[in-house]
Amino acid sequence: METTRTVFEIISAFVLPALIVGFPVYGLIKKVPVYEVFVDGAKDGFKVAVTIIPYLVAILFAIGMFRASGAMDFMVEGLRPIFSWFGVPPEVLPMMIIRPLTGSGSAAIVLDMIQQFGEDSILVKMVATMFGSTETTFYVIAVYFGAVNVRKTRHAIPAGLIADGVSLILSVFVVRWLFG
């Protein structure tokens, strides 16, 4: 257990620096004008950001209404017996509900839990793992599909929710396995 943790700590110390240095070096090896391509990508990113603002406002408004209406508390209480049976702590249920909807809302849940339980708490480690291993599925569908006028999402929502569900559940078990 301790060896696994040490290996993960060593690997994690090198991942980000390797990416930051690796991509430009790879571009230079392939003779790509790295800076110019980066600037062009930034311009395109700005155009996309301006395009998605109306969709972003709509989804954030809807999520605010969901939380303010008490529907979140109602769902947590309804799901508590089911998830408790599987060994999922009820304190992480708000993250499981909000994460597929919004990144900022789920970040707020992580911060609330850090204040409530402390940053070294196993519950905080669980929600932080959930935050990092899942996607804001409905946000992505609403904003990005809306920005490019995709109206029929077909299998995107079920596939995204299945991936989120597996990641959310595995987060609980992996954190328990690694941190006891």
Protein backbone atom coordinates (compact mmCIF):
# COMPACT_ATOMS: atom_id res chain seq x y z
CA MET A 1 0.00 0.00 0.00
CA GLU A 2 2.74 2.45 1.00
CA THR A 3 4.83 1.45 -2.03
CA THR A 4 1.89 2.13 -4.36
CA ARG A 5 1.40 5.57 -2.83
CA THR A 6 5.12 6.36 -3.17
CA VAL A 7 5.15 5.29 -6.82
CA PHE A 8 2.10 7.48 -7.57
CA GLU A 9 3.74 10.46 -5.81
CA ILE A 10 6.93 10.09 -7.84
CA ILE A 11 5.08 9.72 -11.14
CA SER A 12 2.77 12.66 -10.40
CA ALA A 13 5.74 14.93 -9.72
CA PHE A 14 6.96 14.44 -13.30
CA VAL A 15 3.74 14.32 -15.35
CA LEU A 16 2.98 18.06 -15.61
CA PRO A 17 6.57 19.21 -16.27
CA ALA A 18 6.91 16.46 -18.91
CA LEU A 19 3.77 17.69 -20.68
CA ILE A 20 4.77 21.36 -20.50
CA VAL A 21 8.19 20.63 -21.98
CA GLY A 22 7.19 17.65 -24.12
CA PHE A 23 4.61 19.24 -26.40
CA PRO A 24 6.76 22.18 -27.54
CA VAL A 25 9.80 19.92 -27.99
CA TYR A 26 7.72 17.45 -30.04
CA GLY A 27 6.46 20.36 -32.17
CA LEU A 28 9.99 21.59 -32.76
CA ILE A 29 11.14 18.09 -33.74
CA LYS A 30 8.27 17.89 -36.26
CA LYS A 31 9.25 21.37 -37.52
CA VAL A 32 5.94 22.96 -36.48
CA PRO A 33 6.02 26.73 -35.83
CA VAL A 34 5.00 26.17 -32.19
CA TYR A 35 4.41 29.79 -31.15
CA GLU A 36 2.39 30.70 -34.24
CA VAL A 37 0.24 27.58 -33.93
CA PHE A 38 -0.31 28.34 -30.23
CA VAL A 39 -1.43 31.91 -31.02
CA ASP A 40 -3.80 30.68 -33.76
CA GLY A 41 -5.29 28.17 -31.32
CA ALA A 42 -5.75 30.90 -28.72
CA LYS A 43 -7.60 33.07 -31.29
CA ASP A 44 -9.89 30.18 -32.19
CA GLY A 45 -10.45 29.46 -28.50
CA PHE A 46 -11.52 33.05 -27.92
CA LYS A 47 -14.04 32.83 -30.78
CA VAL A 48 -15.47 29.63 -29.30
CA ALA A 49 -15.69 31.24 -25.86
CA VAL A 50 -17.73 34.12 -27.24
CA THR A 51 -20.00 31.69 -29.08
CA ILE A 52 -20.78 29.58 -26.00
CA ILE A 53 -21.60 32.43 -23.60
CA PRO A 54 -25.41 32.24 -24.10
CA TYR A 55 -25.40 28.47 -23.51
CA LEU A 56 -23.17 28.91 -20.47
CA VAL A 57 -25.51 31.48 -18.92
CA ALA A 58 -28.51 29.20 -19.53
CA ILE A 59 -26.95 26.12 -17.93
CA LEU A 60 -25.64 28.05 -14.93
CA PHE A 61 -29.08 29.61 -14.41
CA ALA A 62 -30.74 26.18 -14.55
CA ILE A 63 -28.29 24.72 -12.04
CA GLY A 64 -28.78 27.65 -9.71
CA MET A 65 -32.53 27.05 -9.81
CA PHE A 66 -31.98 23.33 -9.14
CA ARG A 67 -29.94 24.01 -6.00
CA ALA A 68 -32.08 26.90 -4.74
CA SER A 69 -35.35 24.99 -5.17
CA GLY A 70 -34.34 22.30 -2.70
CA ALA A 71 -34.39 19.61 -5.39
CA MET A 72 -30.77 18.76 -4.56
CA ASP A 73 -31.58 18.05 -0.92
CA PHE A 74 -34.60 16.01 -1.98
CA MET A 75 -32.49 13.89 -4.34
CA VAL A 76 -29.76 13.36 -1.72
CA GLU A 77 -32.31 12.08 0.79
CA GLY A 78 -33.90 9.82 -1.81
CA LEU A 79 -30.58 8.34 -2.92
CA ARG A 80 -29.08 8.00 0.56
CA PRO A 81 -30.47 4.49 1.33
CA ILE A 82 -29.49 3.09 -2.08
CA PHE A 83 -25.91 4.37 -2.05
CA SER A 84 -25.40 3.58 1.65
CA TRP A 85 -26.14 -0.05 0.82
CA PHE A 86 -23.20 0.03 -1.65
CA GLY A 87 -20.91 1.66 0.92
CA VAL A 88 -20.95 5.14 -0.60
CA PRO A 89 -20.84 7.79 2.15
CA PRO A 90 -23.90 10.07 2.02
CA GLU A 91 -21.65 13.13 2.31
CA VAL A 92 -20.39 12.59 -1.25
CA LEU A 93 -23.87 12.34 -2.81
CA PRO A 94 -24.12 16.08 -3.61
CA MET A 95 -20.94 15.74 -5.70
CA MET A 96 -22.36 12.71 -7.49
CA ILE A 97 -25.46 14.70 -8.38
CA ILE A 98 -23.86 18.04 -9.31
CA ARG A 99 -20.70 16.89 -11.11
CA PRO A 100 -22.42 15.84 -14.37
CA LEU A 101 -24.14 19.24 -14.40
CA THR A 102 -21.49 21.85 -13.63
CA GLY A 103 -17.80 22.24 -12.93
CA SER A 104 -18.11 25.39 -10.83
CA GLY A 105 -20.88 23.89 -8.71
CA SER A 106 -18.85 20.75 -8.08
CA ALA A 107 -15.77 22.86 -7.27
CA ALA A 108 -17.89 24.68 -4.69
CA ILE A 109 -18.85 21.32 -3.17
CA VAL A 110 -15.17 20.35 -2.91
CA LEU A 111 -14.39 23.66 -1.18
CA ASP A 112 -17.34 23.27 1.21
CA MET A 113 -16.19 19.79 2.13
CA ILE A 114 -12.61 20.96 2.68
CA GLN A 115 -13.91 23.58 5.10
CA GLN A 116 -16.21 21.09 6.81
CA PHE A 117 -13.95 18.01 7.04
CA GLY A 118 -10.38 19.26 6.41
CA GLU A 119 -8.23 18.68 3.35
CA ASP A 120 -6.82 15.35 4.57
CA SER A 121 -10.24 13.78 5.15
CA ILE A 122 -11.04 10.63 3.21
CA LEU A 123 -14.35 12.23 2.15
CA VAL A 124 -12.51 15.18 0.61
CA LYS A 125 -10.16 12.81 -1.17
CA MET A 126 -13.20 10.98 -2.57
CA VAL A 127 -14.89 14.13 -3.90
CA ALA A 128 -11.59 15.48 -5.24
CA THR A 129 -11.07 12.20 -7.10
CA MET A 130 -14.63 12.42 -8.42
CA PHE A 131 -13.96 15.99 -9.54
CA GLY A 132 -10.85 14.96 -11.45
CA SER A 133 -12.09 11.71 -12.96
CA THR A 134 -15.50 12.73 -14.28
CA GLU A 135 -16.86 15.19 -16.81
CA THR A 136 -19.60 17.78 -16.66
CA THR A 137 -21.66 15.81 -19.16
CA PHE A 138 -24.77 17.98 -19.37
CA TYR A 139 -22.68 21.15 -19.42
CA VAL A 140 -20.59 19.81 -22.31
CA ILE A 141 -23.68 18.70 -24.22
CA ALA A 142 -25.51 22.00 -23.67
CA VAL A 143 -22.60 24.32 -24.34
CA TYR A 144 -20.45 22.64 -26.96
CA PHE A 145 -23.14 20.79 -28.88
CA GLY A 146 -25.21 23.99 -28.78
CA ALA A 147 -22.29 26.06 -30.05
CA VAL A 148 -22.01 23.94 -33.19
CA ASN A 149 -25.80 23.52 -33.60
CA VAL A 150 -25.95 19.78 -32.88
CA ARG A 151 -29.56 19.08 -31.90
CA LYS A 152 -29.63 15.28 -31.74
CA THR A 153 -27.11 14.07 -29.21
CA ARG A 154 -27.88 10.39 -29.88
CA HIS A 155 -25.67 8.32 -27.63
CA ALA A 156 -23.59 11.16 -26.17
CA ILE A 157 -25.67 11.63 -23.01
CA PRO A 158 -26.03 7.93 -22.11
CA ALA A 159 -22.35 7.27 -22.84
CA GLY A 160 -21.27 10.29 -20.81
CA LEU A 161 -23.50 9.40 -17.87
CA ILE A 162 -22.34 5.77 -17.85
CA ALA A 163 -18.72 6.92 -17.83
CA ASP A 164 -19.50 9.42 -15.06
CA GLY A 165 -21.34 6.80 -13.01
CA VAL A 166 -18.49 4.30 -13.24
CA SER A 167 -15.94 6.99 -12.34
CA LEU A 168 -18.01 8.27 -9.41
CA ILE A 169 -18.44 4.82 -7.90
CA LEU A 170 -14.83 3.77 -8.55
CA SER A 171 -13.61 6.99 -6.92
CA VAL A 172 -15.09 5.85 -3.62
CA PHE A 173 -13.54 2.39 -3.81
CA VAL A 174 -10.13 3.48 -5.12
CA VAL A 175 -9.77 6.16 -2.45
CA ARG A 176 -10.77 3.64 0.24
CA TRP A 177 -8.23 1.19 -1.20
CA LEU A 178 -5.39 3.74 -1.33
CA PHE A 179 -6.12 5.71 1.84
CA GLY A 180 -8.08 3.25 3.98
